[in-house]
Amino acid sequence: MDCLRVLELYSGIGGMHYALKDSGLTAEVVAAVDVNTTANQIYKHNFPSTTLWSKTIEGITLNEFDKLGFDMILMSPPCQPFTRIGLQGDVSDPRAKSFLYILDLLPRLKKLPRFILLENVKGFETSNARDALLKTLRDCGYSFQEFLLSPTCLGIPNSRLRYFLLAKAPPGSFTFQTSSEILESFPSSSGNGASSETSMVPDCPSECVSSTTGDNGGVLYKLETAQDAQRKMGQNSDESVRRIQEFLEVQGEGGGEDMERYLLPPKTLLRYAMLMDIVRPSCRRSVCFTKGYGHYVEGTGSVLQSCVEEDMEEAFRSLELQSEEDKLRRLEKLKLRYFTPREIANLMGFPADFTFPEDLSMKQQNRVLGNSLNVHVVARLIKLMLS
């Protein structure tokens, strides 16, 4: 196949670009487009030779798009109109305007792109924006397939359930059997049915409970049900998923002193201990990291128990019987810390040569990572789309 010309919309920190490289395809990103200044700074830092347009998509004319002559569109439109914890404004949300503009332009391009890959949050699949997307694709003659996938299906110990769509322009079709249903695993290599390499899990707990211990004697946090706790145990026993320790930064000779800045502060330990999702290096699971990680505690990502010699369950069982001072002393022994931005990037599939500009704060790094995607999942989908 000739070198593919790729247009990267909503380019962020370059997750799609890295996925394209990870796929092994011969391709060139002819332009990347985003309005986020921090994300653009990171993108330019890592891809200095790629043309980066720091402008709104609605500000790009049909003629400008035609001049790019692209064969593929990779895009991850703003998720806020569709996220389950947001207002769910859908197409009425101003942040959906640029996506609707793309749908309006697509049929009017001089040459339809041969391939389209779209990523968004779970929730997009029930939106009016998705309905508009599918109608546009059908009107243009595309064949397409929708997915709901998490990195766990590739053996990565991080739940990040996302919606994906692959579209292919005529002539030709996919090498796998498409379905009107949304697939929850990758199609098998034979093209018949779904692959067995799937480990689909919910993104978040479904309800709150007040007890602190489950029926099996394990710790049960306030924001999870007994079923959620059982699911976590099941994930940790799934040997097809790698252990978190493979994704952690190598600590220096100072016995981990370089990680002191990531330890949870005393106020956070005392106030939010029962709301945290705590994992150990030996675990095979972690919850989705969001843009609020490190700034907010509840529902933004897992924290790591770096002192594995301490018994976490015993520490939590005894909290109600202790004074605040004793609680803090017990909790501090666990050495609970945030994952570093590099470790989160590792879990999200960013390669070792991906780096942040030195002047960015940890909060800024976590924020852009939380808005990004899993590189390996997208790379696998790109290969599937072109196979």
Protein backbone atom coordinates (compact mmCIF):
# COMPACT_ATOMS: atom_id res chain seq x y z
CA MET A 1 0.00 0.00 0.00
CA ASP A 2 1.20 3.51 -0.85
CA CYS A 3 1.98 5.99 1.89
CA LEU A 4 -1.33 7.02 3.41
CA ARG A 5 -2.05 10.70 3.93
CA VAL A 6 -3.70 11.12 7.33
CA LEU A 7 -5.67 14.04 8.77
CA GLU A 8 -5.68 14.07 12.58
CA LEU A 9 -8.60 16.06 14.00
CA TYR A 10 -8.86 16.96 17.69
CA SER A 11 -5.24 15.86 17.83
CA GLY A 12 -4.69 16.49 21.55
CA ILE A 13 -1.30 15.24 22.73
CA GLY A 14 -0.89 12.97 19.71
CA GLY A 15 -2.47 9.71 20.82
CA MET A 16 -3.81 8.98 17.33
CA HIS A 17 -0.44 9.86 15.79
CA TYR A 18 1.35 7.44 18.11
CA ALA A 19 -1.26 4.76 17.35
CA LEU A 20 -0.61 5.26 13.64
CA LYS A 21 3.11 4.71 14.24
CA ASP A 22 2.40 1.73 16.50
CA SER A 23 0.27 0.14 13.76
CA GLY A 24 3.34 -0.16 11.54
CA LEU A 25 1.59 1.35 8.51
CA THR A 26 3.40 3.57 6.03
CA ALA A 27 1.64 6.86 6.64
CA GLU A 28 2.14 10.61 6.96
CA VAL A 29 0.08 12.95 9.11
CA VAL A 30 -0.48 15.82 6.68
CA ALA A 31 -2.08 18.03 9.33
CA ALA A 32 -3.12 17.90 12.96
CA VAL A 33 -5.84 20.22 14.29
CA ASP A 34 -6.63 21.26 17.88
CA VAL A 35 -7.43 24.43 19.83
CA ASN A 36 -6.07 23.38 23.23
CA THR A 37 -2.85 25.35 23.76
CA THR A 38 -1.37 22.95 26.34
CA ALA A 39 -2.10 19.90 24.21
CA ASN A 40 -0.65 21.65 21.16
CA GLN A 41 2.51 22.49 23.10
CA ILE A 42 2.95 18.79 23.92
CA TYR A 43 2.11 17.70 20.38
CA LYS A 44 4.66 20.08 18.86
CA HIS A 45 7.23 18.97 21.44
CA ASN A 46 6.92 15.35 20.29
CA PHE A 47 6.11 15.88 16.59
CA PRO A 48 7.99 19.06 15.63
CA SER A 49 7.89 18.34 11.89
CA THR A 50 4.12 17.75 11.66
CA THR A 51 1.93 20.62 10.46
CA LEU A 52 -0.21 21.65 13.44
CA TRP A 53 -3.16 23.97 12.98
CA SER A 54 -4.08 25.70 16.22
CA LYS A 55 -7.53 26.72 15.09
CA THR A 56 -11.16 25.67 15.29
CA ILE A 57 -12.27 23.02 12.84
CA GLU A 58 -15.18 25.28 11.83
CA GLY A 59 -12.55 27.84 10.78
CA ILE A 60 -11.15 25.49 8.13
CA THR A 61 -12.80 25.84 4.73
CA LEU A 62 -13.86 23.05 2.41
CA ASN A 63 -11.19 24.20 -0.04
CA GLU A 64 -8.48 23.96 2.65
CA PHE A 65 -9.56 20.42 3.49
CA ASP A 66 -9.57 19.45 -0.20
CA LYS A 67 -6.03 20.75 -0.67
CA LEU A 68 -4.74 18.32 1.99
CA GLY A 69 -5.71 15.33 -0.14
CA PHE A 70 -6.02 12.96 2.81
CA ASP A 71 -6.83 9.25 2.65
CA MET A 72 -7.74 8.78 6.30
CA ILE A 73 -9.33 10.78 9.11
CA LEU A 74 -8.45 9.98 12.72
CA MET A 75 -10.54 11.89 15.23
CA SER A 76 -11.57 12.02 18.85
CA PRO A 77 -14.26 14.73 19.12
CA PRO A 78 -14.95 16.43 22.48
CA CYS A 79 -16.55 13.93 24.84
CA GLN A 80 -18.25 16.39 27.21
CA PRO A 81 -21.57 16.46 25.29
CA PHE A 82 -21.90 12.69 25.72
CA THR A 83 -20.22 11.73 29.00
CA ARG A 84 -22.49 10.03 31.51
CA ILE A 85 -21.49 12.35 34.37
CA GLY A 86 -21.95 15.54 32.35
CA LEU A 87 -25.02 17.46 31.20
CA GLN A 88 -25.34 15.23 28.11
CA GLY A 89 -26.21 18.17 25.89
CA ASP A 90 -25.50 16.05 22.83
CA VAL A 91 -25.82 17.98 19.54
CA SER A 92 -27.16 21.05 21.35
CA ASP A 93 -23.88 21.40 23.26
CA PRO A 94 -21.70 24.10 21.62
CA ARG A 95 -18.72 21.71 21.83
CA ALA A 96 -20.46 19.40 19.34
CA LYS A 97 -20.59 22.15 16.71
CA SER A 98 -17.25 21.26 15.14
CA PHE A 99 -18.21 17.59 14.80
CA LEU A 100 -21.47 18.49 13.05
CA TYR A 101 -19.43 20.74 10.74
CA ILE A 102 -17.27 17.73 9.79
CA LEU A 103 -20.39 15.70 8.99
CA ASP A 104 -21.64 18.52 6.80
CA LEU A 105 -18.33 18.78 4.93
CA LEU A 106 -17.68 15.07 4.41
CA PRO A 107 -20.11 14.49 1.50
CA ARG A 108 -18.89 17.68 -0.19
CA LEU A 109 -15.18 16.79 -0.28
CA LYS A 110 -13.70 16.37 -3.77
CA LYS A 111 -12.46 12.94 -2.68
CA LEU A 112 -13.94 10.92 0.15
CA PRO A 113 -11.30 9.67 2.61
CA ARG A 114 -10.93 5.92 2.27
CA PHE A 115 -10.81 5.34 6.01
CA ILE A 116 -12.26 6.99 9.11
CA LEU A 117 -11.60 6.11 12.75
CA LEU A 118 -13.50 7.85 15.53
CA GLU A 119 -13.06 7.50 19.31
CA ASN A 120 -15.32 8.81 22.05
CA VAL A 121 -16.67 8.00 25.49
CA LYS A 122 -19.19 5.30 26.29
CA GLY A 123 -22.47 7.14 25.96
CA PHE A 124 -21.77 8.40 22.44
CA GLU A 125 -23.45 5.23 21.10
CA THR A 126 -26.84 6.43 22.40
CA SER A 127 -26.48 10.05 21.21
CA ASN A 128 -28.12 11.99 18.39
CA ALA A 129 -24.59 12.85 17.22
CA ARG A 130 -23.95 9.16 16.62
CA ASP A 131 -27.21 8.89 14.68
CA ALA A 132 -26.13 11.82 12.50
CA LEU A 133 -22.73 10.21 11.97
CA LEU A 134 -24.20 6.88 10.85
CA LYS A 135 -26.65 8.60 8.50
CA THR A 136 -23.82 10.58 6.89
CA LEU A 137 -21.71 7.44 6.47
CA ARG A 138 -24.61 5.54 4.90
CA ASP A 139 -25.38 8.43 2.54
CA CYS A 140 -21.73 8.44 1.43
CA GLY A 141 -21.70 4.67 0.89
CA TYR A 142 -19.30 3.76 3.70
CA SER A 143 -19.30 0.37 5.36
CA PHE A 144 -18.68 0.70 9.09
CA GLN A 145 -18.42 -1.13 12.39
CA GLU A 146 -18.88 0.14 15.95
CA PHE A 147 -17.05 -1.11 19.04
CA LEU A 148 -17.00 -0.68 22.82
CA LEU A 149 -13.52 -1.69 23.94
CA SER A 150 -11.29 -1.43 27.00
CA PRO A 151 -7.47 -1.86 27.12
CA THR A 152 -8.02 -4.93 29.32
CA CYS A 153 -8.90 -6.86 26.16
CA LEU A 154 -5.25 -6.42 25.11
CA GLY A 155 -3.90 -7.50 28.49
CA ILE A 156 -3.35 -3.95 29.78
CA PRO A 157 -4.29 -3.56 33.48
CA ASN A 158 -6.38 -0.42 33.03
CA SER A 159 -10.12 -0.06 32.43
CA ARG A 160 -10.86 2.65 29.89
CA LEU A 161 -14.07 1.66 28.15
CA ARG A 162 -14.51 3.70 24.98
CA TYR A 163 -16.64 3.86 21.86
CA PHE A 164 -14.89 3.38 18.51
CA LEU A 165 -16.08 3.45 14.92
CA LEU A 166 -14.26 2.24 11.82
CA ALA A 167 -15.51 3.29 8.37
CA LYS A 168 -14.29 2.25 4.93
CA ALA A 169 -15.29 3.93 1.66
CA PRO A 170 -16.34 2.00 -1.43
CA PRO A 171 -15.19 0.06 -3.34
CA GLY A 172 -14.19 -2.76 -1.05
CA SER A 173 -15.22 -3.71 2.47
CA PHE A 174 -13.69 -4.99 5.68
CA THR A 175 -12.05 -8.41 5.79
CA PHE A 176 -14.08 -9.28 8.88
CA GLN A 177 -17.82 -9.85 9.13
CA THR A 178 -19.49 -6.59 10.14
CA SER A 179 -22.53 -6.42 12.37
CA SER A 180 -25.22 -3.88 13.15
CA GLU A 181 -24.50 -4.66 16.79
CA ILE A 182 -21.75 -2.83 18.67
CA LEU A 183 -18.90 -5.31 19.11
CA GLU A 184 -17.37 -5.69 22.56
CA SER A 185 -14.19 -7.43 21.38
CA PHE A 186 -11.92 -7.47 18.36
CA PRO A 187 -13.04 -9.75 15.52
CA SER A 188 -11.08 -12.99 15.30
CA SER A 189 -8.31 -13.26 12.74
CA SER A 190 -10.47 -15.66 10.72
CA GLY A 191 -13.11 -12.96 10.39
CA ASN A 192 -15.80 -15.15 11.89
CA GLY A 193 -17.27 -13.88 15.12
CA ALA A 194 -15.54 -12.20 18.03
CA SER A 195 -12.14 -12.90 19.44
CA SER A 196 -11.84 -14.63 22.77
CA GLU A 197 -9.30 -12.06 23.93
CA THR A 198 -11.79 -9.88 25.70
CA SER A 199 -12.11 -8.73 29.27
CA MET A 200 -14.96 -6.28 29.19
CA VAL A 201 -15.67 -4.56 32.49
CA PRO A 202 -17.82 -1.62 33.56
CA ASP A 203 -16.13 1.77 33.75
CA CYS A 204 -17.42 2.67 37.16
CA PRO A 205 -19.47 1.39 40.10
CA SER A 206 -23.22 1.44 39.68
CA GLU A 207 -24.35 2.51 43.15
CA CYS A 208 -23.18 3.47 46.63
CA VAL A 209 -23.14 1.33 49.73
CA SER A 210 -22.30 2.32 53.28
CA SER A 211 -20.66 -0.79 54.69
CA THR A 212 -16.89 -1.12 54.76
CA THR A 213 -16.45 -4.86 54.49
CA GLY A 214 -17.83 -7.26 51.92
CA ASP A 215 -19.32 -10.71 52.36
CA ASN A 216 -15.99 -12.25 51.43
CA GLY A 217 -14.19 -10.30 54.17
CA GLY A 218 -12.45 -7.92 51.76
CA VAL A 219 -12.50 -4.15 51.92
CA LEU A 220 -15.61 -2.66 50.32
CA TYR A 221 -15.31 1.03 49.50
CA LYS A 222 -18.22 3.43 49.74
CA LEU A 223 -18.60 3.80 45.98
CA GLU A 224 -18.82 0.15 45.06
CA THR A 225 -21.13 -2.79 45.47
CA ALA A 226 -20.20 -6.28 46.57
CA GLN A 227 -20.49 -7.24 42.90
CA ASP A 228 -17.91 -4.59 41.99
CA ALA A 229 -15.53 -5.90 44.67
CA GLN A 230 -15.95 -9.42 43.31
CA ARG A 231 -15.25 -8.17 39.79
CA LYS A 232 -11.99 -6.60 40.98
CA MET A 233 -10.90 -9.88 42.50
CA GLY A 234 -11.73 -11.61 39.22
CA GLN A 235 -9.61 -9.14 37.27
CA ASN A 236 -6.64 -9.71 39.55
CA SER A 237 -6.80 -13.45 38.89
CA ASP A 238 -6.94 -13.04 35.09
CA GLU A 239 -3.45 -14.08 33.99
CA SER A 240 -4.06 -12.82 30.45
CA VAL A 241 -3.72 -9.31 31.89
CA ARG A 242 -0.27 -8.02 32.81
CA ARG A 243 0.65 -6.77 36.28
CA ILE A 244 0.79 -3.06 37.09
CA GLN A 245 4.43 -3.36 38.16
CA GLU A 246 5.42 -3.71 34.49
CA PHE A 247 4.20 -0.14 33.88
CA LEU A 248 5.76 1.58 36.90
CA GLU A 249 8.78 3.85 36.83
CA VAL A 250 12.03 2.37 38.07
CA GLN A 251 12.80 3.98 41.42
CA GLY A 252 16.22 5.36 42.21
CA GLU A 253 18.79 4.22 44.73
CA GLY A 254 17.22 6.42 47.39
CA GLY A 255 14.69 3.74 48.28
CA GLY A 256 11.86 5.45 46.44
CA GLU A 257 12.51 8.93 47.87
CA ASP A 258 11.99 10.36 44.39
CA MET A 259 8.33 9.31 44.71
CA GLU A 260 7.72 11.33 47.90
CA ARG A 261 6.02 14.13 45.96
CA TYR A 262 3.36 11.68 44.77
CA LEU A 263 2.35 10.50 48.26
CA LEU A 264 -1.20 11.43 49.22
CA PRO A 265 -1.20 14.30 51.75
CA PRO A 266 -2.56 13.68 55.29
CA LYS A 267 -5.80 15.62 54.71
CA THR A 268 -6.58 13.55 51.64
CA LEU A 269 -5.86 10.29 53.46
CA LEU A 270 -8.17 11.13 56.36
CA ARG A 271 -11.00 12.53 54.28
CA TYR A 272 -11.03 10.27 51.22
CA ALA A 273 -9.45 6.97 52.30
CA MET A 274 -12.74 5.09 51.90
CA LEU A 275 -13.39 6.58 48.45
CA MET A 276 -10.11 5.55 46.82
CA ASP A 277 -9.53 2.68 44.45
CA ILE A 278 -6.30 1.22 45.84
CA VAL A 279 -4.11 -1.19 43.89
CA ARG A 280 -0.77 -2.87 44.47
CA PRO A 281 2.07 -3.38 41.97
CA SER A 282 1.08 -7.05 41.73
CA CYS A 283 -2.51 -6.19 40.71
CA ARG A 284 -3.80 -6.76 37.21
CA ARG A 285 -6.33 -3.91 37.28
CA SER A 286 -6.72 -0.16 37.70
CA VAL A 287 -9.62 2.17 37.02
CA CYS A 288 -9.82 4.80 34.31
CA PHE A 289 -7.62 7.87 34.84
CA THR A 290 -9.48 11.12 34.18
CA LYS A 291 -8.42 14.73 33.70
CA GLY A 292 -9.06 15.43 37.40
CA TYR A 293 -6.53 12.85 38.64
CA GLY A 294 -4.29 14.16 41.40
CA HIS A 295 -6.60 17.12 41.91
CA TYR A 296 -9.79 15.28 42.83
CA VAL A 297 -9.87 11.84 44.46
CA GLU A 298 -13.29 10.34 43.90
CA GLY A 299 -13.64 8.47 40.61
CA THR A 300 -10.56 9.94 38.89
CA GLY A 301 -8.22 6.92 38.92
CA SER A 302 -6.51 4.35 41.11
CA VAL A 303 -3.84 5.06 43.72
CA LEU A 304 -0.91 2.76 44.42
CA GLN A 305 -0.04 1.10 47.72
CA SER A 306 3.73 1.29 47.44
CA CYS A 307 4.50 -0.33 50.81
CA VAL A 308 3.29 -3.84 50.08
CA GLU A 309 4.48 -5.23 53.42
CA GLU A 310 1.55 -3.53 55.16
CA ASP A 311 -1.83 -5.29 55.20
CA MET A 312 -4.26 -2.86 53.56
CA GLU A 313 -7.42 -4.71 54.54
CA GLU A 314 -6.38 -4.90 58.17
CA ALA A 315 -5.52 -1.20 58.16
CA PHE A 316 -8.96 -0.25 56.86
CA ARG A 317 -10.87 -2.57 59.19
CA SER A 318 -9.30 -0.92 62.20
CA LEU A 319 -9.92 2.69 61.15
CA GLU A 320 -13.27 3.05 62.90
CA LEU A 321 -11.71 2.00 66.20
CA GLN A 322 -8.90 4.54 66.19
CA SER A 323 -8.42 8.23 66.89
CA GLU A 324 -7.72 10.54 63.96
CA GLU A 325 -4.03 10.59 64.84
CA ASP A 326 -3.86 6.79 64.94
CA LYS A 327 -5.80 6.54 61.67
CA LEU A 328 -3.34 8.81 59.93
CA ARG A 329 -0.38 6.88 61.32
CA ARG A 330 -1.87 3.61 60.07
CA LEU A 331 -2.75 4.97 56.65
CA GLU A 332 0.65 6.57 56.15
CA LYS A 333 2.28 3.18 56.62
CA LEU A 334 0.63 2.02 53.40
CA LYS A 335 2.53 4.74 51.48
CA LEU A 336 -0.38 5.42 49.18
CA ARG A 337 0.69 7.50 46.21
CA TYR A 338 -0.62 8.78 42.93
CA PHE A 339 0.60 7.19 39.72
CA THR A 340 3.09 9.47 38.00
CA PRO A 341 2.17 11.01 34.62
CA ARG A 342 4.80 8.77 33.03
CA GLU A 343 3.19 5.67 34.56
CA ILE A 344 -0.25 6.73 33.36
CA ALA A 345 1.21 7.31 29.91
CA ASN A 346 2.72 3.81 30.06
CA LEU A 347 -0.68 2.29 30.88
CA MET A 348 -2.19 4.26 28.00
CA GLY A 349 0.36 2.88 25.54
CA PHE A 350 2.47 5.98 24.92
CA PRO A 351 6.03 4.97 23.98
CA ALA A 352 9.14 5.74 26.00
CA ASP A 353 10.11 8.60 23.67
CA PHE A 354 6.88 10.47 24.46
CA THR A 355 7.79 13.30 26.84
CA PHE A 356 6.30 16.45 28.30
CA PRO A 357 7.83 19.93 28.00
CA GLU A 358 9.70 20.69 31.23
CA ASP A 359 7.57 23.71 32.16
CA LEU A 360 4.29 21.78 32.47
CA SER A 361 2.91 21.10 35.95
CA MET A 362 1.81 17.65 37.11
CA LYS A 363 -1.80 18.89 37.07
CA GLN A 364 -1.48 19.92 33.42
CA GLN A 365 0.08 16.59 32.49
CA ASN A 366 -2.66 14.60 34.24
CA ARG A 367 -5.34 16.73 32.64
CA VAL A 368 -4.22 16.12 29.06
CA LEU A 369 -3.60 12.42 29.70
CA GLY A 370 -7.13 12.09 31.10
CA ASN A 371 -8.46 13.55 27.84
CA SER A 372 -6.41 11.21 25.67
CA LEU A 373 -6.85 7.60 24.52
CA ASN A 374 -5.17 4.20 24.69
CA VAL A 375 -2.59 4.05 21.91
CA HIS A 376 -2.46 0.25 21.62
CA VAL A 377 -6.23 -0.16 21.27
CA VAL A 378 -6.36 2.42 18.47
CA ALA A 379 -3.31 0.90 16.75
CA ARG A 380 -5.03 -2.47 16.73
CA LEU A 381 -8.16 -0.91 15.23
CA ILE A 382 -6.15 0.87 12.52
CA LYS A 383 -4.56 -2.42 11.48
CA LEU A 384 -7.98 -4.07 11.51
CA MET A 385 -9.45 -1.28 9.36
CA LEU A 386 -6.76 -1.65 6.70
CA SER A 387 -6.40 -5.44 6.74
